[in-house]
Amino acid sequence: MYKRMTINQLQETNTWFFKNVHDIFSKQWYTHFQEFMDKMLDESQSHYFFNSWRPLFRIQQNDTEFRLVDEVDKIEIITDADWINQVHNILKNMRLVNKAANENKTIIEWLFQKCMNWDLQFIMDKPFVTYDIETTYTWESLSSQHFEMAYSVSTQDVSKWLQYNYIDRVSMHRYVDYLLEYPWWIIGYNHIWFDNPVIIQNIWYGQTELDILNMKSIDPFLLLHKLLKRRLKLTKVAESLVSMWKTLESWAEWSKLLQDWKETWDEKLLRKVKNYCKNDVRITLGVFLYLLEHKKIHIEWESKEFTLEQMIERWWSKQLQSTEDTETSQSGFFR
């Protein structure tokens, strides 16, 4: 899954796309980018560039189009031969390209800016709240999940937008009641199958309350599952769509930091623990805004488009839920 961008979008956004192209091209003995492309694709319709074992870049072609893929930043361009001259001219002015890239907004900054400018603050005229929880458990099942903390951010009040609220064990019950009474949309990643049932059971509420939360929930995890027939971790989706990453390598590292904090009460450890959860909310919001803005995703040459109405219908899908009941207990670990 990649971000598909135009040349103009790339020139207006802080990415490393053209620098990565330039680094590869400058190592070749060609004076024009067209010669380079012709040689690379002379014997094969696909050519990869690696740094040790890690793929850096890919060039492909079909009958009429070229595809350049930045495997690091997960960006792709699909265009025809006329585009090659534009790329060549850009590569001749890398000083200006790098200067512009450093001054431009990142993809996620563009999305957040559009949200703050009222473009992406509402879904069908309703604001929304985004939240994420962190848990510890004794074995991998929903019933064993122990709520530790959560963060939440809302678009209801523009003056407080991007103000992340911390929820601990003491305030958890009050926050769940807030969500139950919240009249608009609730956004998460895999929260219909994980976060929602976990917070409900941690305060001894039941199926009635869970149904209330789920009927207001919009879940990108289920949308992507439906479109791609795969379960995608938030880390991979965020990397592909908005070039964002988690603050720690794994949940296990977070759990170890949490345990160390409980034993030492070191405030530095607590900040790392809380920042991991807070960043997950920011990532979740970024992914959702990307889908809300573009309403399409790209897999290789193929694009999958969807309307806002279809997005909501997919997220509410009872049929999808019923066909996956046997896997529900594992679904929380795609985070």
C-alpha atoms as a PDB file:
ATOM      1  CA  MET A   1       0.000   0.000   0.000  1.00  0.00           C
ATOM      2  CA  TYR A   2       1.449   3.352  -1.096  1.00  0.00           C
ATOM      3  CA  LYS A   3       0.714   7.061  -1.187  1.00  0.00           C
ATOM      4  CA  ARG A   4       0.123   7.992  -4.821  1.00  0.00           C
ATOM      5  CA  MET A   5       1.243  11.562  -5.497  1.00  0.00           C
ATOM      6  CA  THR A   6       1.703  13.888  -8.450  1.00  0.00           C
ATOM      7  CA  ILE A   7       4.885  15.831  -9.224  1.00  0.00           C
ATOM      8  CA  ASN A   8       3.276  19.051  -7.997  1.00  0.00           C
ATOM      9  CA  GLN A   9       2.244  17.409  -4.736  1.00  0.00           C
ATOM     10  CA  LEU A  10       5.766  16.069  -4.252  1.00  0.00           C
ATOM     11  CA  GLN A  11       7.262  19.510  -4.835  1.00  0.00           C
ATOM     12  CA  GLU A  12       4.900  21.039  -2.265  1.00  0.00           C
ATOM     13  CA  THR A  13       5.411  18.377   0.410  1.00  0.00           C
ATOM     14  CA  ASN A  14       8.309  17.540   2.707  1.00  0.00           C
ATOM     15  CA  THR A  15       9.396  14.122   1.404  1.00  0.00           C
ATOM     16  CA  TRP A  16      12.691  12.472   0.397  1.00  0.00           C
ATOM     17  CA  PHE A  17      11.335  11.170  -2.908  1.00  0.00           C
ATOM     18  CA  PHE A  18      13.406  13.288  -5.301  1.00  0.00           C
ATOM     19  CA  LYS A  19      16.513  13.042  -3.133  1.00  0.00           C
ATOM     20  CA  ASN A  20      16.270   9.264  -3.227  1.00  0.00           C
ATOM     21  CA  VAL A  21      15.809   9.328  -7.020  1.00  0.00           C
ATOM     22  CA  HIS A  22      18.777  11.682  -7.349  1.00  0.00           C
ATOM     23  CA  ASP A  23      21.020   9.514  -5.154  1.00  0.00           C
ATOM     24  CA  ILE A  24      20.321   6.504  -7.375  1.00  0.00           C
ATOM     25  CA  PHE A  25      20.569   8.355 -10.704  1.00  0.00           C
ATOM     26  CA  SER A  26      23.788  10.208  -9.805  1.00  0.00           C
ATOM     27  CA  LYS A  27      25.618   6.891  -9.375  1.00  0.00           C
ATOM     28  CA  GLN A  28      24.865   5.911 -12.972  1.00  0.00           C
ATOM     29  CA  TRP A  29      26.826   6.902 -16.112  1.00  0.00           C
ATOM     30  CA  TYR A  30      23.974   8.670 -17.895  1.00  0.00           C
ATOM     31  CA  THR A  31      23.459  12.305 -18.775  1.00  0.00           C
ATOM     32  CA  HIS A  32      19.668  12.204 -18.979  1.00  0.00           C
ATOM     33  CA  PHE A  33      17.082  10.521 -16.819  1.00  0.00           C
ATOM     34  CA  GLN A  34      15.431   9.074 -19.952  1.00  0.00           C
ATOM     35  CA  GLU A  35      18.608   7.106 -20.759  1.00  0.00           C
ATOM     36  CA  PHE A  36      18.697   5.809 -17.212  1.00  0.00           C
ATOM     37  CA  MET A  37      15.068   4.677 -17.342  1.00  0.00           C
ATOM     38  CA  ASP A  38      15.516   3.027 -20.748  1.00  0.00           C
ATOM     39  CA  LYS A  39      18.531   1.051 -19.543  1.00  0.00           C
ATOM     40  CA  MET A  40      16.971  -0.007 -16.266  1.00  0.00           C
ATOM     41  CA  LEU A  41      13.878  -1.331 -18.013  1.00  0.00           C
ATOM     42  CA  ASP A  42      15.598  -2.689 -21.096  1.00  0.00           C
ATOM     43  CA  GLU A  43      15.711  -6.284 -19.922  1.00  0.00           C
ATOM     44  CA  SER A  44      12.990  -6.299 -17.309  1.00  0.00           C
ATOM     45  CA  GLN A  45       9.703  -4.533 -16.579  1.00  0.00           C
ATOM     46  CA  SER A  46      10.723  -4.097 -12.960  1.00  0.00           C
ATOM     47  CA  HIS A  47      13.988  -2.958 -11.413  1.00  0.00           C
ATOM     48  CA  TYR A  48      14.822  -2.718  -7.681  1.00  0.00           C
ATOM     49  CA  PHE A  49      17.515  -0.742  -5.857  1.00  0.00           C
ATOM     50  CA  PHE A  50      18.715  -1.922  -2.456  1.00  0.00           C
ATOM     51  CA  ASN A  51      20.745  -0.724   0.483  1.00  0.00           C
ATOM     52  CA  SER A  52      22.206  -3.993   1.701  1.00  0.00           C
ATOM     53  CA  TRP A  53      19.088  -6.165   2.033  1.00  0.00           C
ATOM     54  CA  ARG A  54      16.609  -3.306   2.352  1.00  0.00           C
ATOM     55  CA  PRO A  55      14.690  -2.179  -0.779  1.00  0.00           C
ATOM     56  CA  LEU A  56      15.056   1.564  -1.383  1.00  0.00           C
ATOM     57  CA  PHE A  57      13.449   2.201  -4.727  1.00  0.00           C
ATOM     58  CA  ARG A  58      11.602   0.470  -7.552  1.00  0.00           C
ATOM     59  CA  ILE A  59      11.044   1.313 -11.219  1.00  0.00           C
ATOM     60  CA  GLN A  60       8.376  -0.496 -13.233  1.00  0.00           C
ATOM     61  CA  GLN A  61       6.527  -0.143 -16.498  1.00  0.00           C
ATOM     62  CA  ASN A  62       3.541  -1.620 -18.246  1.00  0.00           C
ATOM     63  CA  ASP A  63       2.423  -0.968 -21.823  1.00  0.00           C
ATOM     64  CA  THR A  64       1.903   2.798 -21.517  1.00  0.00           C
ATOM     65  CA  GLU A  65       2.914   3.899 -18.017  1.00  0.00           C
ATOM     66  CA  PHE A  66       5.891   4.136 -15.686  1.00  0.00           C
ATOM     67  CA  ARG A  67       5.767   3.553 -11.955  1.00  0.00           C
ATOM     68  CA  LEU A  68       8.409   4.949  -9.583  1.00  0.00           C
ATOM     69  CA  VAL A  69       8.137   3.736  -6.011  1.00  0.00           C
ATOM     70  CA  ASP A  70       9.993   5.067  -2.991  1.00  0.00           C
ATOM     71  CA  GLU A  71      10.047   1.994  -0.743  1.00  0.00           C
ATOM     72  CA  VAL A  72      11.307   3.964   2.269  1.00  0.00           C
ATOM     73  CA  ASP A  73       8.671   6.706   2.299  1.00  0.00           C
ATOM     74  CA  LYS A  74       6.000   4.498   0.623  1.00  0.00           C
ATOM     75  CA  ILE A  75       5.337   6.994  -2.182  1.00  0.00           C
ATOM     76  CA  GLU A  76       4.566   6.118  -5.782  1.00  0.00           C
ATOM     77  CA  ILE A  77       4.158   8.058  -9.021  1.00  0.00           C
ATOM     78  CA  ILE A  78       2.426   6.606 -12.071  1.00  0.00           C
ATOM     79  CA  THR A  79       2.749   8.523 -15.322  1.00  0.00           C
ATOM     80  CA  ASP A  80       3.685   8.345 -19.015  1.00  0.00           C
ATOM     81  CA  ALA A  81       6.939   9.071 -20.844  1.00  0.00           C
ATOM     82  CA  ASP A  82       6.349  12.849 -21.024  1.00  0.00           C
ATOM     83  CA  TRP A  83       6.898  12.957 -17.299  1.00  0.00           C
ATOM     84  CA  ILE A  84      10.519  11.828 -17.613  1.00  0.00           C
ATOM     85  CA  ASN A  85      11.695  15.235 -18.844  1.00  0.00           C
ATOM     86  CA  GLN A  86      10.069  16.901 -15.840  1.00  0.00           C
ATOM     87  CA  VAL A  87      11.904  14.595 -13.480  1.00  0.00           C
ATOM     88  CA  HIS A  88      15.191  15.254 -15.235  1.00  0.00           C
ATOM     89  CA  ASN A  89      14.742  19.035 -14.853  1.00  0.00           C
ATOM     90  CA  ILE A  90      13.925  18.614 -11.175  1.00  0.00           C
ATOM     91  CA  LEU A  91      17.009  16.461 -10.578  1.00  0.00           C
ATOM     92  CA  LYS A  92      19.218  19.207 -12.078  1.00  0.00           C
ATOM     93  CA  ASN A  93      18.087  21.611  -9.340  1.00  0.00           C
ATOM     94  CA  MET A  94      18.442  19.501  -6.218  1.00  0.00           C
ATOM     95  CA  ARG A  95      19.630  22.421  -4.100  1.00  0.00           C
ATOM     96  CA  LEU A  96      16.297  24.154  -4.658  1.00  0.00           C
ATOM     97  CA  VAL A  97      14.400  20.850  -4.262  1.00  0.00           C
ATOM     98  CA  ASN A  98      16.024  20.143  -0.896  1.00  0.00           C
ATOM     99  CA  LYS A  99      15.466  23.707   0.295  1.00  0.00           C
ATOM    100  CA  ALA A 100      11.784  23.545  -0.648  1.00  0.00           C
ATOM    101  CA  ALA A 101      11.355  20.127   0.933  1.00  0.00           C
ATOM    102  CA  ASN A 102      12.773  21.345   4.248  1.00  0.00           C
ATOM    103  CA  GLU A 103      10.414  24.327   4.232  1.00  0.00           C
ATOM    104  CA  ASN A 104       7.315  22.410   3.164  1.00  0.00           C
ATOM    105  CA  LYS A 105       4.795  20.705   5.417  1.00  0.00           C
ATOM    106  CA  THR A 106       4.843  16.954   5.820  1.00  0.00           C
ATOM    107  CA  ILE A 107       1.887  14.861   4.668  1.00  0.00           C
ATOM    108  CA  ILE A 108       0.483  14.651   8.190  1.00  0.00           C
ATOM    109  CA  GLU A 109       0.949  18.401   8.739  1.00  0.00           C
ATOM    110  CA  TRP A 110      -1.074  19.088   5.583  1.00  0.00           C
ATOM    111  CA  LEU A 111      -3.878  16.834   6.856  1.00  0.00           C
ATOM    112  CA  PHE A 112      -3.897  18.375  10.332  1.00  0.00           C
ATOM    113  CA  GLN A 113      -3.911  21.851   8.785  1.00  0.00           C
ATOM    114  CA  LYS A 114      -6.922  20.988   6.625  1.00  0.00           C
ATOM    115  CA  CYS A 115      -8.690  19.704   9.714  1.00  0.00           C
ATOM    116  CA  MET A 116      -7.968  22.887  11.652  1.00  0.00           C
ATOM    117  CA  ASN A 117      -9.226  24.909   8.674  1.00  0.00           C
ATOM    118  CA  TRP A 118     -12.610  23.153   8.929  1.00  0.00           C
ATOM    119  CA  ASP A 119     -12.101  21.000   5.813  1.00  0.00           C
ATOM    120  CA  LEU A 120     -11.855  17.672   7.662  1.00  0.00           C
ATOM    121  CA  GLN A 121     -13.381  18.434  11.046  1.00  0.00           C
ATOM    122  CA  PHE A 122     -16.755  16.847  10.399  1.00  0.00           C
ATOM    123  CA  ILE A 123     -18.203  13.586   9.116  1.00  0.00           C
ATOM    124  CA  MET A 124     -21.675  14.192   7.720  1.00  0.00           C
ATOM    125  CA  ASP A 125     -21.774  17.479   9.667  1.00  0.00           C
ATOM    126  CA  LYS A 126     -20.806  15.752  12.923  1.00  0.00           C
ATOM    127  CA  PRO A 127     -17.512  16.194  14.828  1.00  0.00           C
ATOM    128  CA  PHE A 128     -15.617  13.159  16.055  1.00  0.00           C
ATOM    129  CA  VAL A 129     -13.415  11.955  18.881  1.00  0.00           C
ATOM    130  CA  THR A 130     -10.375   9.715  18.355  1.00  0.00           C
ATOM    131  CA  TYR A 131      -9.046   7.513  21.133  1.00  0.00           C
ATOM    132  CA  ASP A 132      -6.658   4.647  21.837  1.00  0.00           C
ATOM    133  CA  ILE A 133      -6.025   2.525  24.914  1.00  0.00           C
ATOM    134  CA  GLU A 134      -3.048   0.579  26.234  1.00  0.00           C
ATOM    135  CA  THR A 135      -3.467  -2.612  28.232  1.00  0.00           C
ATOM    136  CA  THR A 136      -1.574  -5.352  29.992  1.00  0.00           C
ATOM    137  CA  TYR A 137      -2.744  -8.961  30.030  1.00  0.00           C
ATOM    138  CA  THR A 138      -1.989 -12.368  31.505  1.00  0.00           C
ATOM    139  CA  TRP A 139      -2.837 -14.235  28.295  1.00  0.00           C
ATOM    140  CA  GLU A 140      -3.907 -13.214  24.816  1.00  0.00           C
ATOM    141  CA  SER A 141      -7.666 -12.867  25.097  1.00  0.00           C
ATOM    142  CA  LEU A 142     -10.027  -9.925  25.408  1.00  0.00           C
ATOM    143  CA  SER A 143     -11.234 -11.034  28.831  1.00  0.00           C
ATOM    144  CA  SER A 144      -7.696 -10.860  30.242  1.00  0.00           C
ATOM    145  CA  GLN A 145      -6.990  -7.289  29.130  1.00  0.00           C
ATOM    146  CA  HIS A 146      -6.308  -4.871  31.983  1.00  0.00           C
ATOM    147  CA  PHE A 147      -6.794  -1.190  31.116  1.00  0.00           C
ATOM    148  CA  GLU A 148      -3.711   0.923  31.902  1.00  0.00           C
ATOM    149  CA  MET A 149      -4.227   4.238  30.131  1.00  0.00           C
ATOM    150  CA  ALA A 150      -5.734   6.019  27.131  1.00  0.00           C
ATOM    151  CA  TYR A 151      -5.489   9.251  25.191  1.00  0.00           C
ATOM    152  CA  SER A 152      -8.271  11.087  23.387  1.00  0.00           C
ATOM    153  CA  VAL A 153      -8.571  14.057  21.020  1.00  0.00           C
ATOM    154  CA  SER A 154     -11.754  15.695  19.705  1.00  0.00           C
ATOM    155  CA  THR A 155     -12.697  17.978  16.787  1.00  0.00           C
ATOM    156  CA  GLN A 156     -15.778  19.243  18.611  1.00  0.00           C
ATOM    157  CA  ASP A 157     -14.147  22.463  19.785  1.00  0.00           C
ATOM    158  CA  VAL A 158     -11.784  23.956  17.201  1.00  0.00           C
ATOM    159  CA  SER A 159     -10.079  26.120  19.846  1.00  0.00           C
ATOM    160  CA  LYS A 160      -8.967  22.945  21.648  1.00  0.00           C
ATOM    161  CA  TRP A 161      -8.192  20.895  18.557  1.00  0.00           C
ATOM    162  CA  LEU A 162      -5.120  18.703  18.896  1.00  0.00           C
ATOM    163  CA  GLN A 163      -5.370  18.963  22.667  1.00  0.00           C
ATOM    164  CA  TYR A 164      -4.752  15.377  23.755  1.00  0.00           C
ATOM    165  CA  ASN A 165      -6.441  14.273  26.975  1.00  0.00           C
ATOM    166  CA  TYR A 166      -4.881  11.625  29.205  1.00  0.00           C
ATOM    167  CA  ILE A 167      -7.115   8.979  30.828  1.00  0.00           C
ATOM    168  CA  ASP A 168      -5.785   6.822  33.673  1.00  0.00           C
ATOM    169  CA  ARG A 169      -7.406   4.043  35.702  1.00  0.00           C
ATOM    170  CA  VAL A 170      -9.050   6.531  38.051  1.00  0.00           C
ATOM    171  CA  SER A 171     -10.732   8.514  35.262  1.00  0.00           C
ATOM    172  CA  MET A 172     -11.488   5.511  33.023  1.00  0.00           C
ATOM    173  CA  HIS A 173     -15.101   5.037  34.205  1.00  0.00           C
ATOM    174  CA  ARG A 174     -15.854   8.724  33.679  1.00  0.00           C
ATOM    175  CA  TYR A 175     -14.361   8.598  30.189  1.00  0.00           C
ATOM    176  CA  VAL A 176     -16.424   5.553  29.174  1.00  0.00           C
ATOM    177  CA  ASP A 177     -19.566   7.339  30.336  1.00  0.00           C
ATOM    178  CA  TYR A 178     -18.476  10.332  28.259  1.00  0.00           C
ATOM    179  CA  LEU A 179     -18.176   8.129  25.163  1.00  0.00           C
ATOM    180  CA  LEU A 180     -21.559   6.520  25.836  1.00  0.00           C
ATOM    181  CA  GLU A 181     -23.186   9.945  26.041  1.00  0.00           C
ATOM    182  CA  TYR A 182     -21.170  11.395  23.131  1.00  0.00           C
ATOM    183  CA  PRO A 183     -23.736  12.082  20.347  1.00  0.00           C
ATOM    184  CA  TRP A 184     -21.360  11.950  17.370  1.00  0.00           C
ATOM    185  CA  TRP A 185     -18.641   9.728  15.854  1.00  0.00           C
ATOM    186  CA  ILE A 186     -15.987   7.694  17.673  1.00  0.00           C
ATOM    187  CA  ILE A 187     -12.778   6.898  15.770  1.00  0.00           C
ATOM    188  CA  GLY A 188     -10.130   4.291  16.593  1.00  0.00           C
ATOM    189  CA  TYR A 189      -8.052   1.609  14.943  1.00  0.00           C
ATOM    190  CA  ASN A 190      -9.476  -1.867  15.558  1.00  0.00           C
ATOM    191  CA  HIS A 191     -11.448  -0.339  18.408  1.00  0.00           C
ATOM    192  CA  ILE A 192     -14.705  -2.094  17.485  1.00  0.00           C
ATOM    193  CA  TRP A 193     -13.049  -5.452  18.129  1.00  0.00           C
ATOM    194  CA  PHE A 194     -10.608  -4.378  20.846  1.00  0.00           C
ATOM    195  CA  ASP A 195     -10.683  -0.979  22.572  1.00  0.00           C
ATOM    196  CA  ASN A 196     -14.476  -0.740  22.867  1.00  0.00           C
ATOM    197  CA  PRO A 197     -15.045  -4.197  24.418  1.00  0.00           C
ATOM    198  CA  VAL A 198     -12.005  -3.858  26.688  1.00  0.00           C
ATOM    199  CA  ILE A 199     -13.052  -0.538  28.247  1.00  0.00           C
ATOM    200  CA  ILE A 200     -16.634  -1.785  28.620  1.00  0.00           C
ATOM    201  CA  GLN A 201     -15.645  -4.962  30.431  1.00  0.00           C
ATOM    202  CA  ASN A 202     -13.065  -3.166  32.605  1.00  0.00           C
ATOM    203  CA  ILE A 203     -15.850  -1.186  34.287  1.00  0.00           C
ATOM    204  CA  TRP A 204     -18.284  -4.131  34.318  1.00  0.00           C
ATOM    205  CA  TYR A 205     -20.686  -2.792  31.732  1.00  0.00           C
ATOM    206  CA  GLY A 206     -22.296  -5.185  29.278  1.00  0.00           C
ATOM    207  CA  GLN A 207     -23.450  -5.825  25.727  1.00  0.00           C
ATOM    208  CA  THR A 208     -25.959  -2.965  25.715  1.00  0.00           C
ATOM    209  CA  GLU A 209     -23.263  -0.384  26.370  1.00  0.00           C
ATOM    210  CA  LEU A 210     -20.902  -2.044  23.877  1.00  0.00           C
ATOM    211  CA  ASP A 211     -23.561  -1.861  21.160  1.00  0.00           C
ATOM    212  CA  ILE A 212     -23.998   1.863  21.849  1.00  0.00           C
ATOM    213  CA  LEU A 213     -20.273   2.491  21.331  1.00  0.00           C
ATOM    214  CA  ASN A 214     -20.029   0.305  18.243  1.00  0.00           C
ATOM    215  CA  MET A 215     -22.961   1.966  16.500  1.00  0.00           C
ATOM    216  CA  LYS A 216     -21.150   5.324  16.755  1.00  0.00           C
ATOM    217  CA  SER A 217     -17.754   3.910  15.797  1.00  0.00           C
ATOM    218  CA  ILE A 218     -15.877   4.294  12.516  1.00  0.00           C
ATOM    219  CA  ASP A 219     -12.949   1.888  12.269  1.00  0.00           C
ATOM    220  CA  PRO A 220     -10.279   2.100   9.505  1.00  0.00           C
ATOM    221  CA  PHE A 221      -9.060  -1.375  10.473  1.00  0.00           C
ATOM    222  CA  LEU A 222     -12.348  -2.927   9.356  1.00  0.00           C
ATOM    223  CA  LEU A 223     -12.475  -0.810   6.206  1.00  0.00           C
ATOM    224  CA  LEU A 224      -9.014  -1.954   5.106  1.00  0.00           C
ATOM    225  CA  HIS A 225      -9.812  -5.535   6.106  1.00  0.00           C
ATOM    226  CA  LYS A 226     -12.872  -5.442   3.883  1.00  0.00           C
ATOM    227  CA  LEU A 227     -11.069  -3.825   0.927  1.00  0.00           C
ATOM    228  CA  LEU A 228      -7.863  -5.842   1.005  1.00  0.00           C
ATOM    229  CA  LYS A 229      -8.933  -9.104   2.688  1.00  0.00           C
ATOM    230  CA  ARG A 230      -6.008  -8.694   5.079  1.00  0.00           C
ATOM    231  CA  ARG A 231      -5.478  -7.636   8.677  1.00  0.00           C
ATOM    232  CA  LEU A 232      -3.060  -4.720   8.735  1.00  0.00           C
ATOM    233  CA  LYS A 233      -1.250  -3.432  11.804  1.00  0.00           C
ATOM    234  CA  LEU A 234      -1.575   0.256  12.552  1.00  0.00           C
ATOM    235  CA  THR A 235       2.202   0.608  12.231  1.00  0.00           C
ATOM    236  CA  LYS A 236       2.220  -0.577   8.612  1.00  0.00           C
ATOM    237  CA  VAL A 237      -0.826   1.461   7.617  1.00  0.00           C
ATOM    238  CA  ALA A 238       0.528   4.671   9.169  1.00  0.00           C
ATOM    239  CA  GLU A 239       3.919   4.172   7.526  1.00  0.00           C
ATOM    240  CA  SER A 240       2.311   3.631   4.130  1.00  0.00           C
ATOM    241  CA  LEU A 241      -0.330   6.369   4.188  1.00  0.00           C
ATOM    242  CA  VAL A 242       1.048   9.202   6.327  1.00  0.00           C
ATOM    243  CA  SER A 243       4.740   8.389   6.940  1.00  0.00           C
ATOM    244  CA  MET A 244       4.293   8.139  10.702  1.00  0.00           C
ATOM    245  CA  TRP A 245       5.830   5.638  13.109  1.00  0.00           C
ATOM    246  CA  LYS A 246       5.357   4.439  16.666  1.00  0.00           C
ATOM    247  CA  THR A 247       7.663   5.801  19.357  1.00  0.00           C
ATOM    248  CA  LEU A 248       8.771   2.314  20.479  1.00  0.00           C
ATOM    249  CA  GLU A 249       9.691  -0.823  18.569  1.00  0.00           C
ATOM    250  CA  SER A 250       6.967  -2.996  20.064  1.00  0.00           C
ATOM    251  CA  TRP A 251       4.203  -3.350  22.636  1.00  0.00           C
ATOM    252  CA  ALA A 252       6.561  -5.608  24.626  1.00  0.00           C
ATOM    253  CA  GLU A 253       9.005  -2.709  24.993  1.00  0.00           C
ATOM    254  CA  TRP A 254       6.156  -0.484  26.189  1.00  0.00           C
ATOM    255  CA  SER A 255       5.044  -3.143  28.695  1.00  0.00           C
ATOM    256  CA  LYS A 256       8.596  -3.433  30.063  1.00  0.00           C
ATOM    257  CA  LEU A 257       8.828   0.351  30.481  1.00  0.00           C
ATOM    258  CA  LEU A 258       5.482   0.365  32.269  1.00  0.00           C
ATOM    259  CA  GLN A 259       6.623  -2.331  34.671  1.00  0.00           C
ATOM    260  CA  ASP A 260       9.904  -0.496  35.311  1.00  0.00           C
ATOM    261  CA  TRP A 261       7.963   2.674  36.071  1.00  0.00           C
ATOM    262  CA  LYS A 262       5.688   0.883  38.543  1.00  0.00           C
ATOM    263  CA  GLU A 263       8.779  -0.390  40.347  1.00  0.00           C
ATOM    264  CA  THR A 264      10.793   2.842  40.344  1.00  0.00           C
ATOM    265  CA  TRP A 265       8.234   5.674  39.872  1.00  0.00           C
ATOM    266  CA  ASP A 266      10.745   7.291  37.533  1.00  0.00           C
ATOM    267  CA  GLU A 267       8.956  10.187  35.798  1.00  0.00           C
ATOM    268  CA  LYS A 268      11.119   9.822  32.674  1.00  0.00           C
ATOM    269  CA  LEU A 269       9.806   6.293  32.214  1.00  0.00           C
ATOM    270  CA  LEU A 270       6.239   7.465  32.710  1.00  0.00           C
ATOM    271  CA  ARG A 271       6.659  10.119  30.012  1.00  0.00           C
ATOM    272  CA  LYS A 272       7.868   7.476  27.546  1.00  0.00           C
ATOM    273  CA  VAL A 273       4.966   5.193  28.454  1.00  0.00           C
ATOM    274  CA  LYS A 274       2.394   7.948  28.050  1.00  0.00           C
ATOM    275  CA  ASN A 275       3.965   9.312  24.866  1.00  0.00           C
ATOM    276  CA  TYR A 276       3.660   5.884  23.219  1.00  0.00           C
ATOM    277  CA  CYS A 277      -0.102   5.894  23.782  1.00  0.00           C
ATOM    278  CA  LYS A 278      -0.493   9.559  22.841  1.00  0.00           C
ATOM    279  CA  ASN A 279       1.419   9.015  19.599  1.00  0.00           C
ATOM    280  CA  ASP A 280      -0.840   6.069  18.731  1.00  0.00           C
ATOM    281  CA  VAL A 281      -3.821   8.433  18.875  1.00  0.00           C
ATOM    282  CA  ARG A 282      -2.025  10.909  16.617  1.00  0.00           C
ATOM    283  CA  ILE A 283      -1.195   8.107  14.173  1.00  0.00           C
ATOM    284  CA  THR A 284      -4.779   6.815  14.231  1.00  0.00           C
ATOM    285  CA  LEU A 285      -6.126  10.301  13.577  1.00  0.00           C
ATOM    286  CA  GLY A 286      -3.635  10.802  10.741  1.00  0.00           C
ATOM    287  CA  VAL A 287      -4.641   7.547   9.035  1.00  0.00           C
ATOM    288  CA  PHE A 288      -8.316   8.392   9.376  1.00  0.00           C
ATOM    289  CA  LEU A 289      -7.854  11.921   7.971  1.00  0.00           C
ATOM    290  CA  TYR A 290      -5.939  10.498   5.005  1.00  0.00           C
ATOM    291  CA  LEU A 291      -8.787   8.094   4.204  1.00  0.00           C
ATOM    292  CA  LEU A 292     -11.365  10.814   4.760  1.00  0.00           C
ATOM    293  CA  GLU A 293      -9.499  13.186   2.422  1.00  0.00           C
ATOM    294  CA  HIS A 294      -8.585  10.814  -0.417  1.00  0.00           C
ATOM    295  CA  LYS A 295     -11.200   8.042  -0.218  1.00  0.00           C
ATOM    296  CA  LYS A 296      -8.905   5.658  -2.051  1.00  0.00           C
ATOM    297  CA  ILE A 297      -5.910   3.432  -1.442  1.00  0.00           C
ATOM    298  CA  HIS A 298      -3.342   2.112  -3.908  1.00  0.00           C
ATOM    299  CA  ILE A 299      -1.940  -1.406  -4.200  1.00  0.00           C
ATOM    300  CA  GLU A 300       0.641  -1.773  -6.980  1.00  0.00           C
ATOM    301  CA  TRP A 301      -1.055  -0.528 -10.202  1.00  0.00           C
ATOM    302  CA  GLU A 302      -4.549  -0.881  -8.751  1.00  0.00           C
ATOM    303  CA  SER A 303      -6.594   1.733  -6.894  1.00  0.00           C
ATOM    304  CA  LYS A 304      -9.518   0.970  -4.601  1.00  0.00           C
ATOM    305  CA  GLU A 305     -11.958   3.855  -4.182  1.00  0.00           C
ATOM    306  CA  PHE A 306     -14.813   4.235  -1.707  1.00  0.00           C
ATOM    307  CA  THR A 307     -17.402   6.860  -0.777  1.00  0.00           C
ATOM    308  CA  LEU A 308     -17.991   8.269   2.664  1.00  0.00           C
ATOM    309  CA  GLU A 309     -21.271   6.362   2.846  1.00  0.00           C
ATOM    310  CA  GLN A 310     -19.504   3.129   1.932  1.00  0.00           C
ATOM    311  CA  MET A 311     -16.837   3.789   4.528  1.00  0.00           C
ATOM    312  CA  ILE A 312     -19.425   4.084   7.256  1.00  0.00           C
ATOM    313  CA  GLU A 313     -21.391   1.082   6.039  1.00  0.00           C
ATOM    314  CA  ARG A 314     -18.261  -1.047   6.003  1.00  0.00           C
ATOM    315  CA  TRP A 315     -17.338  -0.037   9.515  1.00  0.00           C
ATOM    316  CA  TRP A 316     -20.795  -0.889  10.798  1.00  0.00           C
ATOM    317  CA  SER A 317     -20.894  -4.199   8.931  1.00  0.00           C
ATOM    318  CA  LYS A 318     -22.588  -6.829  11.083  1.00  0.00           C
ATOM    319  CA  GLN A 319     -22.005  -9.418   8.381  1.00  0.00           C
ATOM    320  CA  LEU A 320     -18.245  -8.896   8.563  1.00  0.00           C
ATOM    321  CA  GLN A 321     -18.362  -9.159  12.343  1.00  0.00           C
ATOM    322  CA  SER A 322     -20.312 -12.421  12.282  1.00  0.00           C
ATOM    323  CA  THR A 323     -17.952 -14.099   9.824  1.00  0.00           C
ATOM    324  CA  GLU A 324     -14.955 -13.289  12.012  1.00  0.00           C
ATOM    325  CA  ASP A 325     -16.331 -14.221  15.439  1.00  0.00           C
ATOM    326  CA  THR A 326     -13.880 -17.067  15.898  1.00  0.00           C
ATOM    327  CA  GLU A 327     -10.938 -14.674  15.445  1.00  0.00           C
ATOM    328  CA  THR A 328     -12.242 -11.781  17.549  1.00  0.00           C
ATOM    329  CA  SER A 329     -10.095 -12.686  20.546  1.00  0.00           C
ATOM    330  CA  GLN A 330      -6.952 -12.223  18.428  1.00  0.00           C
ATOM    331  CA  SER A 331      -8.025  -9.074  16.598  1.00  0.00           C
ATOM    332  CA  GLY A 332      -6.759  -6.743  19.302  1.00  0.00           C
ATOM    333  CA  PHE A 333      -3.173  -7.553  18.542  1.00  0.00           C
ATOM    334  CA  PHE A 334      -3.138  -5.857  15.136  1.00  0.00           C
ATOM    335  CA  ARG A 335      -2.103  -2.519  16.602  1.00  0.00           C
END
